[in-house]
Structure formats: C-alpha cells, structure tokens
Amino acid sequence: MANGCRLAWLIDRYGKKVYIYEPGCAIIEHSGFDIQLSGEQVFPGFVLNLGEIGNF
C-alpha cells in the first residue's frame, strides 16, 4: 500500500481465509471460500471465484 497499490488480496488456501487490503480502509477478513472477489474499480469486470481455488 505504501508503494501505491490500490487493491490487494491475501488468500490463505489452507486456512480458507481471505484478507482484502485497500488504502485508507481496515483490512477485511473473510472465512471460507464461498465468495467471489471482484476487481472493483482497479480491474473492472474481473471476478475471482474462490470456490474453485478451495477444490485444489
């Protein structure tokens, strides 16, 4: 974030958690892979289905 990153996801496949980082915002933590991550305004239209990652 200090270098200008506008969106970051930390995906813990084994712990089945996702951490979402955005400048000026609190870190958002999701448990489980029953969500989809969107690229929001950084990558409009990009969607990552975490359910597919959890199957590996």
PDB file of N, CA and C in Angstrom:
ATOM      1  N   MET A   1       0.827  -1.178   0.000  1.00  0.00           N
ATOM      2  CA  MET A   1       0.000   0.000   0.000  1.00  0.00           C
ATOM      3  C   MET A   1       0.878   1.252   0.000  1.00  0.00           C
ATOM      4  N   ALA A   2       1.996   1.190   0.667  1.00  0.00           N
ATOM      5  CA  ALA A   2       2.878   2.352   0.740  1.00  0.00           C
ATOM      6  C   ALA A   2       3.461   2.709  -0.626  1.00  0.00           C
ATOM      7  N   ASN A   3       3.480   1.756  -1.545  1.00  0.00           N
ATOM      8  CA  ASN A   3       4.018   1.998  -2.885  1.00  0.00           C
ATOM      9  C   ASN A   3       2.943   2.336  -3.913  1.00  0.00           C
ATOM     10  N   GLY A   4       1.723   2.556  -3.478  1.00  0.00           N
ATOM     11  CA  GLY A   4       0.665   2.959  -4.392  1.00  0.00           C
ATOM     12  C   GLY A   4      -0.297   1.870  -4.811  1.00  0.00           C
ATOM     13  N   CYS A   5      -0.165   0.685  -4.247  1.00  0.00           N
ATOM     14  CA  CYS A   5      -1.097  -0.400  -4.572  1.00  0.00           C
ATOM     15  C   CYS A   5      -2.507   0.007  -4.139  1.00  0.00           C
ATOM     16  N   ARG A   6      -3.483  -0.237  -4.987  1.00  0.00           N
ATOM     17  CA  ARG A   6      -4.854   0.174  -4.677  1.00  0.00           C
ATOM     18  C   ARG A   6      -5.749  -0.965  -4.216  1.00  0.00           C
ATOM     19  N   LEU A   7      -5.319  -2.210  -4.430  1.00  0.00           N
ATOM     20  CA  LEU A   7      -6.119  -3.362  -4.018  1.00  0.00           C
ATOM     21  C   LEU A   7      -5.204  -4.567  -3.891  1.00  0.00           C
ATOM     22  N   ALA A   8      -5.310  -5.277  -2.776  1.00  0.00           N
ATOM     23  CA  ALA A   8      -4.502  -6.488  -2.586  1.00  0.00           C
ATOM     24  C   ALA A   8      -5.344  -7.546  -1.898  1.00  0.00           C
ATOM     25  N   TRP A   9      -5.132  -8.789  -2.325  1.00  0.00           N
ATOM     26  CA  TRP A   9      -5.805  -9.933  -1.708  1.00  0.00           C
ATOM     27  C   TRP A   9      -4.740 -10.881  -1.198  1.00  0.00           C
ATOM     28  N   LEU A  10      -4.868 -11.301   0.027  1.00  0.00           N
ATOM     29  CA  LEU A  10      -4.028 -12.363   0.564  1.00  0.00           C
ATOM     30  C   LEU A  10      -4.944 -13.562   0.748  1.00  0.00           C
ATOM     31  N   ILE A  11      -4.678 -14.631  -0.004  1.00  0.00           N
ATOM     32  CA  ILE A  11      -5.533 -15.813   0.010  1.00  0.00           C
ATOM     33  C   ILE A  11      -4.795 -16.935   0.718  1.00  0.00           C
ATOM     34  N   ASP A  12      -5.326 -17.346   1.862  1.00  0.00           N
ATOM     35  CA  ASP A  12      -4.767 -18.454   2.638  1.00  0.00           C
ATOM     36  C   ASP A  12      -5.565 -19.705   2.287  1.00  0.00           C
ATOM     37  N   ARG A  13      -5.055 -20.461   1.339  1.00  0.00           N
ATOM     38  CA  ARG A  13      -5.783 -21.632   0.838  1.00  0.00           C
ATOM     39  C   ARG A  13      -5.979 -22.689   1.907  1.00  0.00           C
ATOM     40  N   TYR A  14      -4.975 -22.899   2.750  1.00  0.00           N
ATOM     41  CA  TYR A  14      -5.062 -23.954   3.759  1.00  0.00           C
ATOM     42  C   TYR A  14      -5.940 -23.551   4.941  1.00  0.00           C
ATOM     43  N   GLY A  15      -5.866 -22.289   5.337  1.00  0.00           N
ATOM     44  CA  GLY A  15      -6.713 -21.800   6.427  1.00  0.00           C
ATOM     45  C   GLY A  15      -8.085 -21.362   5.949  1.00  0.00           C
ATOM     46  N   LYS A  16      -8.282 -21.354   4.611  1.00  0.00           N
ATOM     47  CA  LYS A  16      -9.537 -20.943   3.989  1.00  0.00           C
ATOM     48  C   LYS A  16      -9.990 -19.569   4.470  1.00  0.00           C
ATOM     49  N   LYS A  17      -9.063 -18.620   4.355  1.00  0.00           N
ATOM     50  CA  LYS A  17      -9.356 -17.231   4.706  1.00  0.00           C
ATOM     51  C   LYS A  17      -8.843 -16.332   3.596  1.00  0.00           C
ATOM     52  N   VAL A  18      -9.480 -15.175   3.474  1.00  0.00           N
ATOM     53  CA  VAL A  18      -9.067 -14.162   2.513  1.00  0.00           C
ATOM     54  C   VAL A  18      -8.993 -12.826   3.238  1.00  0.00           C
ATOM     55  N   TYR A  19      -7.924 -12.102   2.977  1.00  0.00           N
ATOM     56  CA  TYR A  19      -7.740 -10.769   3.550  1.00  0.00           C
ATOM     57  C   TYR A  19      -7.706  -9.778   2.398  1.00  0.00           C
ATOM     58  N   ILE A  20      -8.517  -8.742   2.488  1.00  0.00           N
ATOM     59  CA  ILE A  20      -8.613  -7.738   1.437  1.00  0.00           C
ATOM     60  C   ILE A  20      -8.052  -6.423   1.983  1.00  0.00           C
ATOM     61  N   TYR A  21      -7.087  -5.888   1.254  1.00  0.00           N
ATOM     62  CA  TYR A  21      -6.418  -4.657   1.646  1.00  0.00           C
ATOM     63  C   TYR A  21      -6.723  -3.564   0.636  1.00  0.00           C
ATOM     64  N   GLU A  22      -7.119  -2.393   1.137  1.00  0.00           N
ATOM     65  CA  GLU A  22      -7.323  -1.210   0.316  1.00  0.00           C
ATOM     66  C   GLU A  22      -6.805  -0.013   1.097  1.00  0.00           C
ATOM     67  N   PRO A  23      -6.183   0.941   0.414  1.00  0.00           N
ATOM     68  CA  PRO A  23      -5.630   2.096   1.119  1.00  0.00           C
ATOM     69  C   PRO A  23      -6.705   2.852   1.895  1.00  0.00           C
ATOM     70  N   GLY A  24      -6.373   3.235   3.107  1.00  0.00           N
ATOM     71  CA  GLY A  24      -7.282   4.027   3.926  1.00  0.00           C
ATOM     72  C   GLY A  24      -8.440   3.251   4.525  1.00  0.00           C
ATOM     73  N   CYS A  25      -8.466   1.929   4.356  1.00  0.00           N
ATOM     74  CA  CYS A  25      -9.560   1.101   4.872  1.00  0.00           C
ATOM     75  C   CYS A  25      -9.016   0.044   5.828  1.00  0.00           C
ATOM     76  N   ALA A  26      -9.866  -0.396   6.717  1.00  0.00           N
ATOM     77  CA  ALA A  26      -9.497  -1.509   7.593  1.00  0.00           C
ATOM     78  C   ALA A  26      -9.383  -2.781   6.747  1.00  0.00           C
ATOM     79  N   ILE A  27      -8.527  -3.688   7.176  1.00  0.00           N
ATOM     80  CA  ILE A  27      -8.379  -4.974   6.494  1.00  0.00           C
ATOM     81  C   ILE A  27      -9.670  -5.767   6.671  1.00  0.00           C
ATOM     82  N   ILE A  28     -10.171  -6.303   5.576  1.00  0.00           N
ATOM     83  CA  ILE A  28     -11.386  -7.121   5.615  1.00  0.00           C
ATOM     84  C   ILE A  28     -10.958  -8.581   5.587  1.00  0.00           C
ATOM     85  N   GLU A  29     -11.498  -9.371   6.511  1.00  0.00           N
ATOM     86  CA  GLU A  29     -11.181 -10.802   6.578  1.00  0.00           C
ATOM     87  C   GLU A  29     -12.440 -11.614   6.320  1.00  0.00           C
ATOM     88  N   HIS A  30     -12.346 -12.567   5.395  1.00  0.00           N
ATOM     89  CA  HIS A  30     -13.447 -13.486   5.104  1.00  0.00           C
ATOM     90  C   HIS A  30     -12.986 -14.897   5.452  1.00  0.00           C
ATOM     91  N   SER A  31     -13.824 -15.633   6.141  1.00  0.00           N
ATOM     92  CA  SER A  31     -13.554 -17.048   6.403  1.00  0.00           C
ATOM     93  C   SER A  31     -14.372 -17.876   5.438  1.00  0.00           C
ATOM     94  N   GLY A  32     -13.738 -18.861   4.850  1.00  0.00           N
ATOM     95  CA  GLY A  32     -14.417 -19.712   3.877  1.00  0.00           C
ATOM     96  C   GLY A  32     -14.241 -19.174   2.471  1.00  0.00           C
ATOM     97  N   PHE A  33     -14.428 -20.041   1.510  1.00  0.00           N
ATOM     98  CA  PHE A  33     -14.248 -19.678   0.112  1.00  0.00           C
ATOM     99  C   PHE A  33     -15.572 -19.641  -0.626  1.00  0.00           C
ATOM    100  N   ASP A  34     -16.626 -19.258   0.047  1.00  0.00           N
ATOM    101  CA  ASP A  34     -17.942 -19.200  -0.571  1.00  0.00           C
ATOM    102  C   ASP A  34     -18.250 -17.802  -1.126  1.00  0.00           C
ATOM    103  N   ILE A  35     -17.206 -17.054  -1.480  1.00  0.00           N
ATOM    104  CA  ILE A  35     -17.395 -15.706  -2.008  1.00  0.00           C
ATOM    105  C   ILE A  35     -16.663 -15.557  -3.341  1.00  0.00           C
ATOM    106  N   GLN A  36     -16.964 -14.472  -4.007  1.00  0.00           N
ATOM    107  CA  GLN A  36     -16.245 -14.088  -5.216  1.00  0.00           C
ATOM    108  C   GLN A  36     -15.582 -12.744  -4.932  1.00  0.00           C
ATOM    109  N   LEU A  37     -14.347 -12.608  -5.346  1.00  0.00           N
ATOM    110  CA  LEU A  37     -13.654 -11.336  -5.215  1.00  0.00           C
ATOM    111  C   LEU A  37     -13.789 -10.580  -6.528  1.00  0.00           C
ATOM    112  N   SER A  38     -14.051  -9.295  -6.432  1.00  0.00           N
ATOM    113  CA  SER A  38     -14.152  -8.503  -7.657  1.00  0.00           C
ATOM    114  C   SER A  38     -12.974  -7.539  -7.726  1.00  0.00           C
ATOM    115  N   GLY A  39     -12.600  -7.206  -8.936  1.00  0.00           N
ATOM    116  CA  GLY A  39     -11.516  -6.269  -9.147  1.00  0.00           C
ATOM    117  C   GLY A  39     -11.911  -4.836  -8.868  1.00  0.00           C
ATOM    118  N   GLU A  40     -13.162  -4.642  -8.535  1.00  0.00           N
ATOM    119  CA  GLU A  40     -13.722  -3.337  -8.217  1.00  0.00           C
ATOM    120  C   GLU A  40     -13.325  -2.317  -9.278  1.00  0.00           C
ATOM    121  N   GLN A  41     -12.868  -1.161  -8.888  1.00  0.00           N
ATOM    122  CA  GLN A  41     -12.539  -0.124  -9.862  1.00  0.00           C
ATOM    123  C   GLN A  41     -11.108  -0.240 -10.371  1.00  0.00           C
ATOM    124  N   VAL A  42     -10.320  -1.107  -9.752  1.00  0.00           N
ATOM    125  CA  VAL A  42      -8.942  -1.298 -10.195  1.00  0.00           C
ATOM    126  C   VAL A  42      -8.908  -2.145 -11.467  1.00  0.00           C
ATOM    127  N   PHE A  43      -9.695  -3.245 -11.472  1.00  0.00           N
ATOM    128  CA  PHE A  43      -9.815  -4.135 -12.625  1.00  0.00           C
ATOM    129  C   PHE A  43     -11.295  -4.366 -12.912  1.00  0.00           C
ATOM    130  N   PRO A  44     -11.986  -3.400 -13.489  1.00  0.00           N
ATOM    131  CA  PRO A  44     -13.426  -3.536 -13.727  1.00  0.00           C
ATOM    132  C   PRO A  44     -13.761  -4.806 -14.511  1.00  0.00           C
ATOM    133  N   GLY A  45     -14.751  -5.527 -14.022  1.00  0.00           N
ATOM    134  CA  GLY A  45     -15.203  -6.745 -14.683  1.00  0.00           C
ATOM    135  C   GLY A  45     -14.476  -8.004 -14.263  1.00  0.00           C
ATOM    136  N   PHE A  46     -13.350  -7.877 -13.554  1.00  0.00           N
ATOM    137  CA  PHE A  46     -12.610  -9.061 -13.113  1.00  0.00           C
ATOM    138  C   PHE A  46     -13.260  -9.654 -11.875  1.00  0.00           C
ATOM    139  N   VAL A  47     -13.497 -10.970 -11.898  1.00  0.00           N
ATOM    140  CA  VAL A  47     -14.090 -11.671 -10.762  1.00  0.00           C
ATOM    141  C   VAL A  47     -13.311 -12.964 -10.539  1.00  0.00           C
ATOM    142  N   LEU A  48     -12.968 -13.232  -9.280  1.00  0.00           N
ATOM    143  CA  LEU A  48     -12.280 -14.458  -8.911  1.00  0.00           C
ATOM    144  C   LEU A  48     -13.197 -15.277  -8.015  1.00  0.00           C
ATOM    145  N   ASN A  49     -13.599 -16.452  -8.485  1.00  0.00           N
ATOM    146  CA  ASN A  49     -14.465 -17.343  -7.725  1.00  0.00           C
ATOM    147  C   ASN A  49     -13.582 -18.188  -6.801  1.00  0.00           C
ATOM    148  N   LEU A  50     -13.632 -17.916  -5.516  1.00  0.00           N
ATOM    149  CA  LEU A  50     -12.763 -18.623  -4.577  1.00  0.00           C
ATOM    150  C   LEU A  50     -13.168 -20.080  -4.366  1.00  0.00           C
ATOM    151  N   GLY A  51     -14.394 -20.421  -4.676  1.00  0.00           N
ATOM    152  CA  GLY A  51     -14.831 -21.803  -4.566  1.00  0.00           C
ATOM    153  C   GLY A  51     -14.001 -22.727  -5.434  1.00  0.00           C
ATOM    154  N   GLU A  52     -13.517 -22.242  -6.560  1.00  0.00           N
ATOM    155  CA  GLU A  52     -12.688 -23.049  -7.441  1.00  0.00           C
ATOM    156  C   GLU A  52     -11.291 -23.271  -6.872  1.00  0.00           C
ATOM    157  N   ILE A  53     -10.777 -22.312  -6.137  1.00  0.00           N
ATOM    158  CA  ILE A  53      -9.455 -22.460  -5.510  1.00  0.00           C
ATOM    159  C   ILE A  53      -9.511 -23.489  -4.391  1.00  0.00           C
ATOM    160  N   GLY A  54     -10.587 -23.484  -3.634  1.00  0.00           N
ATOM    161  CA  GLY A  54     -10.723 -24.380  -2.496  1.00  0.00           C
ATOM    162  C   GLY A  54     -10.762 -25.852  -2.880  1.00  0.00           C
ATOM    163  N   ASN A  55     -10.977 -26.164  -4.149  1.00  0.00           N
ATOM    164  CA  ASN A  55     -11.070 -27.544  -4.583  1.00  0.00           C
ATOM    165  C   ASN A  55      -9.721 -28.177  -4.904  1.00  0.00           C
ATOM    166  N   PHE A  56      -8.639 -27.403  -4.887  1.00  0.00           N
ATOM    167  CA  PHE A  56      -7.329 -27.952  -5.220  1.00  0.00           C
ATOM    168  C   PHE A  56      -6.676 -28.574  -4.012  1.00  0.00           C
TER     169      PHE A  56
END
